[in-house]
Protein backbone atom coordinates (compact mmCIF):
# COMPACT_ATOMS: atom_id res chain seq x y z
CA MET A 1 99.81 46.97 112.87
CA THR A 2 96.89 48.96 111.47
CA VAL A 3 94.50 47.84 108.90
CA LYS A 4 93.10 50.21 106.34
CA SER A 5 89.45 50.20 105.95
CA SER A 6 87.98 49.60 102.53
CA GLY A 7 84.63 49.64 100.80
CA PRO A 8 82.21 52.37 100.05
CA ALA A 9 82.37 53.96 103.53
CA ALA A 10 86.20 54.35 103.39
CA ALA A 11 85.91 55.72 99.85
CA GLU A 12 83.44 58.27 100.98
CA GLU A 13 85.63 59.27 103.97
CA ARG A 14 88.60 59.81 101.64
CA LYS A 15 86.40 61.96 99.35
CA VAL A 16 85.23 64.12 102.30
CA ALA A 17 88.78 64.46 103.50
CA THR A 18 90.00 65.48 99.98
CA MET A 19 87.33 68.05 99.69
CA ALA A 20 88.03 69.40 103.07
CA ARG A 21 91.67 69.87 102.24
CA SER A 22 90.92 71.45 98.86
CA TRP A 23 88.42 73.77 100.52
CA LEU A 24 91.09 74.75 103.13
CA ARG A 25 93.74 75.42 100.57
CA ALA A 26 91.31 77.65 98.67
CA ALA A 27 89.99 79.44 101.75
CA LEU A 28 93.46 80.11 103.40
CA PRO A 29 94.67 82.81 101.05
CA TRP A 30 91.42 84.70 101.40
CA LEU A 31 91.59 84.53 105.22
CA PHE A 32 95.20 85.67 105.10
CA CYS A 33 93.98 88.58 103.03
CA ILE A 34 91.94 89.75 105.95
CA LEU A 35 94.93 89.77 108.12
CA SER A 36 97.25 91.23 105.39
CA PRO A 37 95.35 93.19 102.82
CA THR A 38 98.64 94.33 101.21
CA TRP A 39 99.57 90.67 100.64
CA GLY A 40 96.26 90.36 98.72
CA VAL A 41 97.04 93.36 96.69
CA ALA A 42 100.58 91.97 95.86
CA ARG A 43 99.05 88.64 95.00
CA LEU A 44 96.80 90.20 92.44
CA ALA A 45 99.40 92.75 91.15
CA LYS A 46 102.09 90.19 90.32
CA PRO A 47 101.71 88.86 86.74
CA VAL A 48 102.77 85.45 85.54
CA ASP A 49 105.33 86.88 82.97
CA LYS A 50 108.73 86.70 84.66
CA GLN A 51 109.92 90.26 83.59
CA LYS A 52 106.63 91.87 84.35
CA ARG A 53 106.53 90.17 87.69
CA ALA A 54 110.10 91.35 88.55
CA ARG A 55 108.96 94.98 87.73
CA ALA A 56 105.84 94.48 89.92
CA ILE A 57 107.84 93.23 92.88
CA ARG A 58 110.46 96.09 92.55
CA GLY A 59 107.50 98.74 92.16
CA LEU A 60 105.55 97.47 95.23
CA ASN A 61 108.71 97.36 97.32
CA CYS A 62 109.85 100.89 96.57
CA LEU A 63 106.12 102.16 96.90
CA TYR A 64 105.64 100.79 100.50
CA PHE A 65 109.10 101.96 101.44
CA SER A 66 108.40 105.49 100.12
CA LEU A 67 104.94 105.49 101.86
CA ALA A 68 106.63 104.42 105.23
CA ILE A 69 109.14 107.38 104.82
CA ALA A 70 106.36 109.81 103.97
CA ILE A 71 103.97 108.64 106.78
CA THR A 72 106.86 108.88 109.38
CA ALA A 73 108.01 112.31 108.25
CA LEU A 74 104.41 113.66 108.26
CA ALA A 75 103.76 112.31 111.66
CA VAL A 76 106.83 113.92 113.00
CA ILE A 77 106.29 117.18 111.35
CA LEU A 78 102.60 117.51 112.06
CA THR A 79 102.90 116.51 115.72
CA ARG A 80 106.25 118.25 116.23
CA ASP A 81 107.64 114.88 117.20
CA SER A 82 105.17 114.57 120.15
CA VAL A 83 103.65 111.08 120.80
CA ALA A 84 100.95 112.69 122.95
CA ALA A 85 99.46 114.21 119.82
CA ILE A 86 98.43 110.80 118.37
CA ARG A 87 98.70 108.51 121.49
CA PRO A 88 95.14 107.11 122.55
CA ASP A 89 94.01 107.20 126.09
CA GLY A 90 93.05 103.49 125.83
CA LEU A 91 91.44 101.12 123.41
CA ASP A 92 90.50 103.24 120.36
CA TRP A 93 89.44 101.83 116.98
CA ARG A 94 90.96 104.96 115.47
CA ALA A 95 94.45 103.66 116.66
CA LEU A 96 93.65 100.17 115.83
CA LEU A 97 92.83 100.74 112.20
CA PRO A 98 96.12 102.24 111.18
CA GLN A 99 97.92 99.59 113.35
CA TRP A 100 96.13 96.94 111.33
CA LEU A 101 97.20 98.33 108.06
CA LEU A 102 100.77 98.84 109.16
CA MET A 103 100.93 95.33 110.57
CA SER A 104 99.65 94.02 107.26
CA ARG A 105 103.06 94.69 105.81
CA PHE A 106 104.65 92.72 108.62
CA TRP A 107 102.68 89.62 107.82
CA GLU A 108 103.28 89.98 104.10
CA VAL A 109 107.06 90.50 104.43
CA CYS A 110 107.46 87.68 106.91
CA VAL A 111 105.51 85.14 104.72
CA ALA A 112 107.05 86.27 101.39
CA PHE A 113 110.66 86.16 102.41
CA LEU A 114 110.30 83.11 104.62
CA VAL A 115 108.73 81.18 101.84
CA ASP A 116 111.23 82.47 99.32
CA ALA A 117 114.10 81.53 101.51
CA GLN A 118 112.85 78.00 101.81
CA ASP A 119 112.21 77.77 98.06
CA LYS A 120 115.75 78.97 97.39
CA LEU A 121 117.18 75.82 99.21
CA ARG A 122 115.47 73.57 96.62
CA PRO A 123 115.94 73.41 92.92
CA LYS A 124 113.04 75.38 91.30
CA ARG A 125 112.43 77.16 88.11
CA ALA A 126 112.71 80.87 88.15
CA SER A 127 109.36 82.82 88.50
CA SER A 128 110.85 86.22 87.78
CA THR A 129 114.07 87.83 86.40
CA LEU A 130 115.20 89.25 89.68
CA HIS A 131 118.97 88.99 90.43
CA TRP A 132 120.45 88.25 93.70
CA SER A 133 121.65 91.76 94.33
CA GLU A 134 118.17 92.91 93.66
CA ARG A 135 116.68 90.52 96.15
CA VAL A 136 119.22 91.78 98.85
CA MET A 137 118.12 95.34 98.14
CA LEU A 138 114.42 94.24 98.46
CA ALA A 139 115.10 92.73 101.90
CA MET A 140 117.04 95.75 103.09
CA ARG A 141 114.28 98.20 101.99
CA SER A 142 111.63 96.01 103.56
CA TYR A 143 113.93 95.89 106.80
CA ALA A 144 114.12 99.70 106.90
CA GLU A 145 110.39 100.15 106.07
CA LEU A 146 109.37 97.84 109.08
CA ILE A 147 111.44 99.90 111.43
CA LEU A 148 109.48 102.93 110.49
CA ASP A 149 106.08 101.00 110.29
CA PHE A 150 106.67 99.49 113.88
CA GLY A 151 107.67 102.87 115.15
CA ILE A 152 104.34 104.34 114.19
CA VAL A 153 102.53 101.31 115.52
CA TYR A 154 104.33 101.78 118.84
CA SER A 155 103.43 105.39 118.90
CA LEU A 156 99.76 104.61 118.72
CA LEU A 157 99.98 102.50 121.92
CA PRO A 158 98.55 104.07 125.12
CA ARG A 159 101.00 105.42 127.71
CA CYS A 160 100.11 102.51 130.02
CA ALA A 161 101.58 100.02 127.53
CA TRP A 162 105.17 101.25 128.70
CA VAL A 163 106.92 100.72 131.96
CA GLU A 164 107.10 103.87 133.96
CA ASN A 165 109.12 104.01 137.22
CA LEU A 166 112.14 105.93 138.73
CA THR A 167 114.44 104.61 136.13
CA THR A 168 112.38 104.01 133.15
CA THR A 169 109.94 106.38 131.52
CA PRO A 170 107.58 105.95 128.62
CA PRO A 171 108.65 107.37 125.25
CA ASP A 172 107.33 110.85 124.58
CA ARG A 173 108.62 111.33 120.94
CA ILE A 174 107.87 109.52 117.63
CA THR A 175 111.52 109.43 116.93
CA ASP A 176 111.85 107.63 120.44
CA MET A 177 109.67 105.02 119.09
CA ILE A 178 111.53 104.66 115.86
CA TRP A 179 114.74 104.30 117.95
CA TYR A 180 112.99 101.69 120.02
CA SER A 181 111.92 99.89 116.80
CA ALA A 182 115.40 99.90 115.37
CA ASN A 183 116.85 98.35 118.53
CA VAL A 184 114.06 95.67 118.81
CA ILE A 185 114.31 94.43 115.20
CA THR A 186 118.13 94.00 115.62
CA THR A 187 117.67 92.20 119.05
CA SER A 188 119.94 94.75 120.70
CA GLY A 189 117.51 95.83 123.32
CA GLY A 190 114.70 98.40 123.70
CA GLY A 191 116.80 101.62 123.52
CA GLY A 192 115.96 102.50 127.06
CA PHE A 193 112.28 101.79 126.99
CA LEU A 194 110.38 98.66 128.18
CA PRO A 195 106.98 97.37 127.14
CA GLU A 196 104.43 96.80 129.90
CA SER A 197 101.14 95.76 128.27
CA PRO A 198 100.77 92.22 126.63
CA TRP A 199 99.99 93.89 123.29
CA ALA A 200 103.32 95.93 123.30
CA LYS A 201 105.22 92.76 124.22
CA MET A 202 103.62 90.85 121.36
CA LEU A 203 104.48 93.52 118.91
CA SER A 204 108.06 93.63 120.06
CA ALA A 205 108.27 89.85 119.79
CA ALA A 206 106.85 90.01 116.32
CA GLU A 207 109.34 92.59 115.19
CA VAL A 208 112.18 90.46 116.46
CA LEU A 209 110.79 87.54 114.46
CA CYS A 210 110.73 89.61 111.35
CA GLY A 211 114.32 90.77 111.84
CA VAL A 212 115.47 87.28 112.21
CA ILE A 213 113.56 86.24 108.96
CA LEU A 214 114.98 89.14 107.03
CA LEU A 215 118.52 89.26 108.15
CA VAL A 216 119.31 85.75 109.46
CA VAL A 217 117.24 83.70 107.04
CA SER A 218 116.63 85.63 103.85
CA PHE A 219 119.79 87.71 103.74
CA THR A 220 121.98 84.80 104.65
CA VAL A 221 120.44 82.62 101.95
CA TYR A 222 120.45 85.23 99.30
CA VAL A 223 124.18 86.24 99.83
CA SER A 224 125.30 82.47 100.04
CA ARG A 225 123.40 81.56 96.90
CA ALA A 226 124.69 84.64 95.09
CA LEU A 227 128.42 83.87 96.01
CA GLY A 228 127.60 80.19 94.83
CA GLY A 229 126.55 81.71 91.42
CA LYS A 230 123.14 80.20 91.40
CA PRO A 231 120.78 82.91 90.61
CA THR A 232 117.08 82.22 90.83
CA SER A 233 113.88 84.34 91.55
CA LEU A 234 111.95 85.98 94.25
CA ARG A 235 108.39 84.73 94.55
């Protein structure tokens, strides 16, 4: 049996603990903005009004999907589908910067859809006018976008990040990396390529996690709730 302390000292401890929790809650969003700047942009771009919020969500989702297609198409055309044209020899900040920006969408998508799926299992007032069919389309566009984003991220890894032996060779084309990304996110394998470096393995594991969140968690929750006739909103 524990006895709670009382008196001025205990009150001061509770006050300090409350202030620490408040500071942490206020600081976490800003810290996450460093990890995912696109999440910070989305946080600022989404208004309170439900209809405007729905339009902002749809607009940002289509924008990032279109950017992923454009970046991938330009990379394939300008390099003639050769990974060697953009692949660094080793650790290079010029490769890390675009990887950080592309991975920003990974963090944003994972957090947004995971939190939304959890919220949809609880009764909650709608925060936008998005329908279930629209949310399914948002998830599918994000799914396809991340395949392209991860394909470019993998293309910016050095050759030593991939297993090279008599039976397995590193990917030499950007489309090979997109093929690898599509196989990884669906947990169906690596499309004939194997990651070697810890960074490549962590990226592959992160993409699997994102695929689980989008397909198994979000898509299942959205479809089941839609069939149940209980529309609500995407945060």
